[in-house]
Amino acid sequence: MGNFKHYYVDIVNVIVDGALFETITITGSGMYEPNQVKRYAENMLRESYPNSQIASIILNHTNVTLEEYKEIIGKNPPWLGNIS
């Protein structure tokens, strides 16, 4: 039976107050929603910069296989559990 899940890796540039920026890698599975990826990246920095203006730009989006996904994140996706 084929694997019908979709996996992706995005490189996101998050800009803080128009000057500082960080490049963040976001991995995910399932339906790809670019705005959700950007929001997740922004929220990762909101804790460190609570009163700052934060914006994000997706620099790169790559679809990957399950094997590539596991290699990138170092483990199985959460829905797969600890199956080897």
PDB file of N, CA and C in Angstrom:
ATOM      1  N   MET A   1       0.838  -1.170   0.000  1.00  0.00           N
ATOM      2  CA  MET A   1       0.000   0.000   0.000  1.00  0.00           C
ATOM      3  C   MET A   1       0.889   1.240   0.000  1.00  0.00           C
ATOM      4  N   GLY A   2       0.578   2.208  -0.833  1.00  0.00           N
ATOM      5  CA  GLY A   2       1.389   3.410  -0.957  1.00  0.00           C
ATOM      6  C   GLY A   2       1.202   4.360   0.209  1.00  0.00           C
ATOM      7  N   ASN A   3       2.194   5.208   0.400  1.00  0.00           N
ATOM      8  CA  ASN A   3       2.145   6.209   1.449  1.00  0.00           C
ATOM      9  C   ASN A   3       1.489   7.468   0.875  1.00  0.00           C
ATOM     10  N   PHE A   4       0.354   7.894   1.447  1.00  0.00           N
ATOM     11  CA  PHE A   4      -0.387   9.022   0.907  1.00  0.00           C
ATOM     12  C   PHE A   4      -0.162  10.312   1.679  1.00  0.00           C
ATOM     13  N   LYS A   5       0.657  10.289   2.717  1.00  0.00           N
ATOM     14  CA  LYS A   5       0.971  11.505   3.458  1.00  0.00           C
ATOM     15  C   LYS A   5       1.928  12.358   2.651  1.00  0.00           C
ATOM     16  N   HIS A   6       1.815  13.664   2.806  1.00  0.00           N
ATOM     17  CA  HIS A   6       2.724  14.602   2.166  1.00  0.00           C
ATOM     18  C   HIS A   6       3.633  15.193   3.229  1.00  0.00           C
ATOM     19  N   TYR A   7       4.917  15.289   2.939  1.00  0.00           N
ATOM     20  CA  TYR A   7       5.894  15.837   3.876  1.00  0.00           C
ATOM     21  C   TYR A   7       6.594  16.995   3.206  1.00  0.00           C
ATOM     22  N   TYR A   8       6.961  17.993   4.003  1.00  0.00           N
ATOM     23  CA  TYR A   8       7.631  19.154   3.433  1.00  0.00           C
ATOM     24  C   TYR A   8       8.618  19.753   4.422  1.00  0.00           C
ATOM     25  N   VAL A   9       9.554  20.503   3.871  1.00  0.00           N
ATOM     26  CA  VAL A   9      10.532  21.250   4.647  1.00  0.00           C
ATOM     27  C   VAL A   9      10.555  22.659   4.066  1.00  0.00           C
ATOM     28  N   ASP A  10      10.382  23.656   4.931  1.00  0.00           N
ATOM     29  CA  ASP A  10      10.425  25.054   4.502  1.00  0.00           C
ATOM     30  C   ASP A  10      11.540  25.778   5.242  1.00  0.00           C
ATOM     31  N   ILE A  11      12.219  26.639   4.534  1.00  0.00           N
ATOM     32  CA  ILE A  11      13.193  27.546   5.137  1.00  0.00           C
ATOM     33  C   ILE A  11      12.496  28.906   5.189  1.00  0.00           C
ATOM     34  N   VAL A  12      12.370  29.455   6.391  1.00  0.00           N
ATOM     35  CA  VAL A  12      11.610  30.692   6.592  1.00  0.00           C
ATOM     36  C   VAL A  12      12.523  31.743   7.210  1.00  0.00           C
ATOM     37  N   ASN A  13      12.526  32.938   6.626  1.00  0.00           N
ATOM     38  CA  ASN A  13      13.256  34.063   7.170  1.00  0.00           C
ATOM     39  C   ASN A  13      12.264  34.870   8.000  1.00  0.00           C
ATOM     40  N   VAL A  14      12.532  35.022   9.305  1.00  0.00           N
ATOM     41  CA  VAL A  14      11.651  35.778  10.191  1.00  0.00           C
ATOM     42  C   VAL A  14      12.345  37.091  10.531  1.00  0.00           C
ATOM     43  N   ILE A  15      11.644  38.199  10.274  1.00  0.00           N
ATOM     44  CA  ILE A  15      12.195  39.533  10.474  1.00  0.00           C
ATOM     45  C   ILE A  15      11.562  40.145  11.718  1.00  0.00           C
ATOM     46  N   VAL A  16      12.407  40.681  12.603  1.00  0.00           N
ATOM     47  CA  VAL A  16      11.947  41.279  13.852  1.00  0.00           C
ATOM     48  C   VAL A  16      12.251  42.777  13.815  1.00  0.00           C
ATOM     49  N   ASP A  17      11.218  43.588  13.958  1.00  0.00           N
ATOM     50  CA  ASP A  17      11.340  45.049  13.958  1.00  0.00           C
ATOM     51  C   ASP A  17      12.069  45.586  12.735  1.00  0.00           C
ATOM     52  N   GLY A  18      11.944  44.917  11.615  1.00  0.00           N
ATOM     53  CA  GLY A  18      12.521  45.390  10.368  1.00  0.00           C
ATOM     54  C   GLY A  18      14.024  45.316  10.282  1.00  0.00           C
ATOM     55  N   ALA A  19      14.687  44.793  11.297  1.00  0.00           N
ATOM     56  CA  ALA A  19      16.149  44.785  11.292  1.00  0.00           C
ATOM     57  C   ALA A  19      16.729  43.399  11.584  1.00  0.00           C
ATOM     58  N   LEU A  20      16.417  42.848  12.725  1.00  0.00           N
ATOM     59  CA  LEU A  20      16.934  41.533  13.095  1.00  0.00           C
ATOM     60  C   LEU A  20      16.211  40.470  12.291  1.00  0.00           C
ATOM     61  N   PHE A  21      16.919  39.391  11.985  1.00  0.00           N
ATOM     62  CA  PHE A  21      16.224  38.284  11.334  1.00  0.00           C
ATOM     63  C   PHE A  21      16.875  36.971  11.726  1.00  0.00           C
ATOM     64  N   GLU A  22      16.069  35.944  11.670  1.00  0.00           N
ATOM     65  CA  GLU A  22      16.541  34.580  11.894  1.00  0.00           C
ATOM     66  C   GLU A  22      15.989  33.702  10.793  1.00  0.00           C
ATOM     67  N   THR A  23      16.787  32.725  10.386  1.00  0.00           N
ATOM     68  CA  THR A  23      16.342  31.751   9.408  1.00  0.00           C
ATOM     69  C   THR A  23      15.976  30.486  10.167  1.00  0.00           C
ATOM     70  N   ILE A  24      14.751  30.022   9.960  1.00  0.00           N
ATOM     71  CA  ILE A  24      14.210  28.888  10.709  1.00  0.00           C
ATOM     72  C   ILE A  24      13.775  27.806   9.726  1.00  0.00           C
ATOM     73  N   THR A  25      14.023  26.550  10.081  1.00  0.00           N
ATOM     74  CA  THR A  25      13.556  25.415   9.293  1.00  0.00           C
ATOM     75  C   THR A  25      12.279  24.890   9.925  1.00  0.00           C
ATOM     76  N   ILE A  26      11.241  24.798   9.112  1.00  0.00           N
ATOM     77  CA  ILE A  26       9.950  24.268   9.560  1.00  0.00           C
ATOM     78  C   ILE A  26       9.677  22.985   8.778  1.00  0.00           C
ATOM     79  N   THR A  27       9.392  21.900   9.491  1.00  0.00           N
ATOM     80  CA  THR A  27       9.026  20.650   8.834  1.00  0.00           C
ATOM     81  C   THR A  27       7.565  20.359   9.133  1.00  0.00           C
ATOM     82  N   GLY A  28       6.914  19.676   8.230  1.00  0.00           N
ATOM     83  CA  GLY A  28       5.521  19.348   8.460  1.00  0.00           C
ATOM     84  C   GLY A  28       5.055  18.211   7.588  1.00  0.00           C
ATOM     85  N   SER A  29       3.852  17.762   7.873  1.00  0.00           N
ATOM     86  CA  SER A  29       3.249  16.705   7.076  1.00  0.00           C
ATOM     87  C   SER A  29       1.773  17.020   6.910  1.00  0.00           C
ATOM     88  N   GLY A  30       1.207  16.482   5.867  1.00  0.00           N
ATOM     89  CA  GLY A  30      -0.201  16.729   5.595  1.00  0.00           C
ATOM     90  C   GLY A  30      -0.369  17.834   4.581  1.00  0.00           C
ATOM     91  N   MET A  31      -1.532  18.444   4.598  1.00  0.00           N
ATOM     92  CA  MET A  31      -1.845  19.499   3.644  1.00  0.00           C
ATOM     93  C   MET A  31      -0.960  20.720   3.901  1.00  0.00           C
ATOM     94  N   TYR A  32      -0.338  21.235   2.858  1.00  0.00           N
ATOM     95  CA  TYR A  32       0.570  22.370   2.981  1.00  0.00           C
ATOM     96  C   TYR A  32      -0.205  23.678   2.974  1.00  0.00           C
ATOM     97  N   GLU A  33      -0.025  24.462   4.026  1.00  0.00           N
ATOM     98  CA  GLU A  33      -0.645  25.779   4.153  1.00  0.00           C
ATOM     99  C   GLU A  33       0.463  26.802   4.407  1.00  0.00           C
ATOM    100  N   PRO A  34       0.869  27.577   3.406  1.00  0.00           N
ATOM    101  CA  PRO A  34       1.974  28.523   3.577  1.00  0.00           C
ATOM    102  C   PRO A  34       1.761  29.515   4.717  1.00  0.00           C
ATOM    103  N   ASN A  35       0.549  30.010   4.896  1.00  0.00           N
ATOM    104  CA  ASN A  35       0.303  30.966   5.975  1.00  0.00           C
ATOM    105  C   ASN A  35       0.465  30.325   7.350  1.00  0.00           C
ATOM    106  N   GLN A  36       0.115  29.058   7.459  1.00  0.00           N
ATOM    107  CA  GLN A  36       0.294  28.342   8.723  1.00  0.00           C
ATOM    108  C   GLN A  36       1.784  28.166   9.023  1.00  0.00           C
ATOM    109  N   VAL A  37       2.578  27.869   8.002  1.00  0.00           N
ATOM    110  CA  VAL A  37       4.028  27.725   8.169  1.00  0.00           C
ATOM    111  C   VAL A  37       4.624  29.047   8.645  1.00  0.00           C
ATOM    112  N   LYS A  38       4.242  30.156   7.999  1.00  0.00           N
ATOM    113  CA  LYS A  38       4.753  31.477   8.378  1.00  0.00           C
ATOM    114  C   LYS A  38       4.338  31.836   9.806  1.00  0.00           C
ATOM    115  N   ARG A  39       3.084  31.578  10.150  1.00  0.00           N
ATOM    116  CA  ARG A  39       2.582  31.882  11.495  1.00  0.00           C
ATOM    117  C   ARG A  39       3.342  31.082  12.550  1.00  0.00           C
ATOM    118  N   TYR A  40       3.611  29.820  12.266  1.00  0.00           N
ATOM    119  CA  TYR A  40       4.352  28.974  13.204  1.00  0.00           C
ATOM    120  C   TYR A  40       5.762  29.527  13.424  1.00  0.00           C
ATOM    121  N   ALA A  41       6.428  29.920  12.340  1.00  0.00           N
ATOM    122  CA  ALA A  41       7.776  30.482  12.444  1.00  0.00           C
ATOM    123  C   ALA A  41       7.763  31.777  13.248  1.00  0.00           C
ATOM    124  N   GLU A  42       6.783  32.637  12.999  1.00  0.00           N
ATOM    125  CA  GLU A  42       6.673  33.894  13.736  1.00  0.00           C
ATOM    126  C   GLU A  42       6.435  33.642  15.218  1.00  0.00           C
ATOM    127  N   ASN A  43       5.567  32.685  15.529  1.00  0.00           N
ATOM    128  CA  ASN A  43       5.269  32.384  16.932  1.00  0.00           C
ATOM    129  C   ASN A  43       6.485  31.846  17.678  1.00  0.00           C
ATOM    130  N   MET A  44       7.398  31.180  16.960  1.00  0.00           N
ATOM    131  CA  MET A  44       8.611  30.681  17.600  1.00  0.00           C
ATOM    132  C   MET A  44       9.445  31.841  18.153  1.00  0.00           C
ATOM    133  N   LEU A  45       9.406  33.006  17.499  1.00  0.00           N
ATOM    134  CA  LEU A  45      10.191  34.153  17.947  1.00  0.00           C
ATOM    135  C   LEU A  45       9.419  35.113  18.835  1.00  0.00           C
ATOM    136  N   ARG A  46       8.102  35.027  18.850  1.00  0.00           N
ATOM    137  CA  ARG A  46       7.309  35.943  19.680  1.00  0.00           C
ATOM    138  C   ARG A  46       7.653  35.832  21.160  1.00  0.00           C
ATOM    139  N   GLU A  47       8.017  34.646  21.618  1.00  0.00           N
ATOM    140  CA  GLU A  47       8.386  34.471  23.028  1.00  0.00           C
ATOM    141  C   GLU A  47       9.649  35.253  23.365  1.00  0.00           C
ATOM    142  N   SER A  48      10.606  35.287  22.445  1.00  0.00           N
ATOM    143  CA  SER A  48      11.857  36.007  22.682  1.00  0.00           C
ATOM    144  C   SER A  48      11.719  37.509  22.460  1.00  0.00           C
ATOM    145  N   TYR A  49      10.789  37.900  21.601  1.00  0.00           N
ATOM    146  CA  TYR A  49      10.578  39.311  21.259  1.00  0.00           C
ATOM    147  C   TYR A  49       9.095  39.652  21.403  1.00  0.00           C
ATOM    148  N   PRO A  50       8.585  39.706  22.649  1.00  0.00           N
ATOM    149  CA  PRO A  50       7.139  39.815  22.859  1.00  0.00           C
ATOM    150  C   PRO A  50       6.498  41.120  22.358  1.00  0.00           C
ATOM    151  N   ASN A  51       7.195  42.232  22.355  1.00  0.00           N
ATOM    152  CA  ASN A  51       6.600  43.510  21.966  1.00  0.00           C
ATOM    153  C   ASN A  51       7.121  44.001  20.630  1.00  0.00           C
ATOM    154  N   SER A  52       7.564  43.108  19.791  1.00  0.00           N
ATOM    155  CA  SER A  52       8.159  43.476  18.511  1.00  0.00           C
ATOM    156  C   SER A  52       7.206  43.191  17.358  1.00  0.00           C
ATOM    157  N   GLN A  53       7.435  43.893  16.250  1.00  0.00           N
ATOM    158  CA  GLN A  53       6.720  43.582  15.017  1.00  0.00           C
ATOM    159  C   GLN A  53       7.480  42.462  14.324  1.00  0.00           C
ATOM    160  N   ILE A  54       6.757  41.421  13.960  1.00  0.00           N
ATOM    161  CA  ILE A  54       7.390  40.240  13.373  1.00  0.00           C
ATOM    162  C   ILE A  54       6.711  39.914  12.050  1.00  0.00           C
ATOM    163  N   ALA A  55       7.531  39.643  11.045  1.00  0.00           N
ATOM    164  CA  ALA A  55       7.033  39.239   9.729  1.00  0.00           C
ATOM    165  C   ALA A  55       7.888  38.079   9.242  1.00  0.00           C
ATOM    166  N   SER A  56       7.359  37.312   8.286  1.00  0.00           N
ATOM    167  CA  SER A  56       8.125  36.166   7.793  1.00  0.00           C
ATOM    168  C   SER A  56       7.991  36.035   6.283  1.00  0.00           C
ATOM    169  N   ILE A  57       9.015  35.435   5.696  1.00  0.00           N
ATOM    170  CA  ILE A  57       9.063  35.177   4.262  1.00  0.00           C
ATOM    171  C   ILE A  57       9.530  33.742   4.072  1.00  0.00           C
ATOM    172  N   ILE A  58       8.795  32.960   3.300  1.00  0.00           N
ATOM    173  CA  ILE A  58       9.231  31.596   2.992  1.00  0.00           C
ATOM    174  C   ILE A  58      10.272  31.693   1.883  1.00  0.00           C
ATOM    175  N   LEU A  59      11.496  31.271   2.195  1.00  0.00           N
ATOM    176  CA  LEU A  59      12.584  31.321   1.218  1.00  0.00           C
ATOM    177  C   LEU A  59      12.610  30.104   0.318  1.00  0.00           C
ATOM    178  N   ASN A  60      12.237  28.945   0.885  1.00  0.00           N
ATOM    179  CA  ASN A  60      12.307  27.712   0.113  1.00  0.00           C
ATOM    180  C   ASN A  60      11.284  26.722   0.641  1.00  0.00           C
ATOM    181  N   HIS A  61      10.576  26.071  -0.264  1.00  0.00           N
ATOM    182  CA  HIS A  61       9.627  25.014   0.086  1.00  0.00           C
ATOM    183  C   HIS A  61      10.021  23.769  -0.697  1.00  0.00           C
ATOM    184  N   THR A  62      10.192  22.642   0.015  1.00  0.00           N
ATOM    185  CA  THR A  62      10.579  21.396  -0.631  1.00  0.00           C
ATOM    186  C   THR A  62       9.681  20.266  -0.154  1.00  0.00           C
ATOM    187  N   ASN A  63       9.098  19.542  -1.086  1.00  0.00           N
ATOM    188  CA  ASN A  63       8.366  18.320  -0.749  1.00  0.00           C
ATOM    189  C   ASN A  63       9.385  17.200  -0.614  1.00  0.00           C
ATOM    190  N   VAL A  64       9.212  16.359   0.409  1.00  0.00           N
ATOM    191  CA  VAL A  64      10.159  15.273   0.653  1.00  0.00           C
ATOM    192  C   VAL A  64       9.399  13.970   0.880  1.00  0.00           C
ATOM    193  N   THR A  65      10.128  12.864   0.782  1.00  0.00           N
ATOM    194  CA  THR A  65       9.566  11.545   1.077  1.00  0.00           C
ATOM    195  C   THR A  65       9.600  11.304   2.584  1.00  0.00           C
ATOM    196  N   LEU A  66       8.929  10.263   3.037  1.00  0.00           N
ATOM    197  CA  LEU A  66       8.953   9.914   4.458  1.00  0.00           C
ATOM    198  C   LEU A  66      10.376   9.654   4.921  1.00  0.00           C
ATOM    199  N   GLU A  67      11.160   8.955   4.119  1.00  0.00           N
ATOM    200  CA  GLU A  67      12.540   8.648   4.496  1.00  0.00           C
ATOM    201  C   GLU A  67      13.362   9.936   4.639  1.00  0.00           C
ATOM    202  N   GLU A  68      13.210  10.865   3.703  1.00  0.00           N
ATOM    203  CA  GLU A  68      13.931  12.143   3.779  1.00  0.00           C
ATOM    204  C   GLU A  68      13.463  12.948   4.994  1.00  0.00           C
ATOM    205  N   TYR A  69      12.174  12.932   5.258  1.00  0.00           N
ATOM    206  CA  TYR A  69      11.598  13.643   6.407  1.00  0.00           C
ATOM    207  C   TYR A  69      12.208  13.121   7.708  1.00  0.00           C
ATOM    208  N   LYS A  70      12.246  11.774   7.852  1.00  0.00           N
ATOM    209  CA  LYS A  70      12.814  11.182   9.068  1.00  0.00           C
ATOM    210  C   LYS A  70      14.286  11.531   9.218  1.00  0.00           C
ATOM    211  N   GLU A  71      15.013  11.585   8.103  1.00  0.00           N
ATOM    212  CA  GLU A  71      16.428  11.939   8.138  1.00  0.00           C
ATOM    213  C   GLU A  71      16.619  13.394   8.585  1.00  0.00           C
ATOM    214  N   ILE A  72      15.763  14.279   8.124  1.00  0.00           N
ATOM    215  CA  ILE A  72      15.881  15.701   8.452  1.00  0.00           C
ATOM    216  C   ILE A  72      15.549  15.976   9.916  1.00  0.00           C
ATOM    217  N   ILE A  73      14.444  15.391  10.410  1.00  0.00           N
ATOM    218  CA  ILE A  73      14.057  15.681  11.793  1.00  0.00           C
ATOM    219  C   ILE A  73      14.644  14.692  12.802  1.00  0.00           C
ATOM    220  N   GLY A  74      15.256  13.635  12.319  1.00  0.00           N
ATOM    221  CA  GLY A  74      15.932  12.692  13.204  1.00  0.00           C
ATOM    222  C   GLY A  74      15.015  11.687  13.885  1.00  0.00           C
ATOM    223  N   LYS A  75      13.754  11.630  13.471  1.00  0.00           N
ATOM    224  CA  LYS A  75      12.824  10.667  14.072  1.00  0.00           C
ATOM    225  C   LYS A  75      11.602  10.548  13.167  1.00  0.00           C
ATOM    226  N   ASN A  76      10.707   9.647  13.537  1.00  0.00           N
ATOM    227  CA  ASN A  76       9.454   9.496  12.806  1.00  0.00           C
ATOM    228  C   ASN A  76       8.544  10.688  13.065  1.00  0.00           C
ATOM    229  N   PRO A  77       7.642  10.996  12.149  1.00  0.00           N
ATOM    230  CA  PRO A  77       6.648  12.032  12.426  1.00  0.00           C
ATOM    231  C   PRO A  77       5.801  11.623  13.621  1.00  0.00           C
ATOM    232  N   PRO A  78       5.247  12.573  14.373  1.00  0.00           N
ATOM    233  CA  PRO A  78       4.498  12.240  15.595  1.00  0.00           C
ATOM    234  C   PRO A  78       3.382  11.228  15.393  1.00  0.00           C
ATOM    235  N   TRP A  79       2.669  11.295  14.272  1.00  0.00           N
ATOM    236  CA  TRP A  79       1.544  10.373  14.049  1.00  0.00           C
ATOM    237  C   TRP A  79       2.005   8.948  13.849  1.00  0.00           C
ATOM    238  N   LEU A  80       3.298   8.740  13.500  1.00  0.00           N
ATOM    239  CA  LEU A  80       3.805   7.398  13.223  1.00  0.00           C
ATOM    240  C   LEU A  80       4.333   6.733  14.491  1.00  0.00           C
ATOM    241  N   GLY A  81       4.564   7.497  15.530  1.00  0.00           N
ATOM    242  CA  GLY A  81       5.049   6.949  16.781  1.00  0.00           C
ATOM    243  C   GLY A  81       6.504   6.537  16.682  1.00  0.00           C
ATOM    244  N   ASN A  82       6.881   5.524  17.415  1.00  0.00           N
ATOM    245  CA  ASN A  82       8.274   5.080  17.470  1.00  0.00           C
ATOM    246  C   ASN A  82       8.540   3.827  16.655  1.00  0.00           C
ATOM    247  N   ILE A  83       7.786   3.647  15.601  1.00  0.00           N
ATOM    248  CA  ILE A  83       7.996   2.492  14.719  1.00  0.00           C
ATOM    249  C   ILE A  83       9.280   2.699  13.947  1.00  0.00           C
ATOM    250  N   SER A  84      10.125   1.704  13.871  1.00  0.00           N
ATOM    251  CA  SER A  84      11.392   1.822  13.131  1.00  0.00           C
ATOM    252  C   SER A  84      11.214   1.509  11.678  1.00  0.00           C
TER     253      SER A  84
END
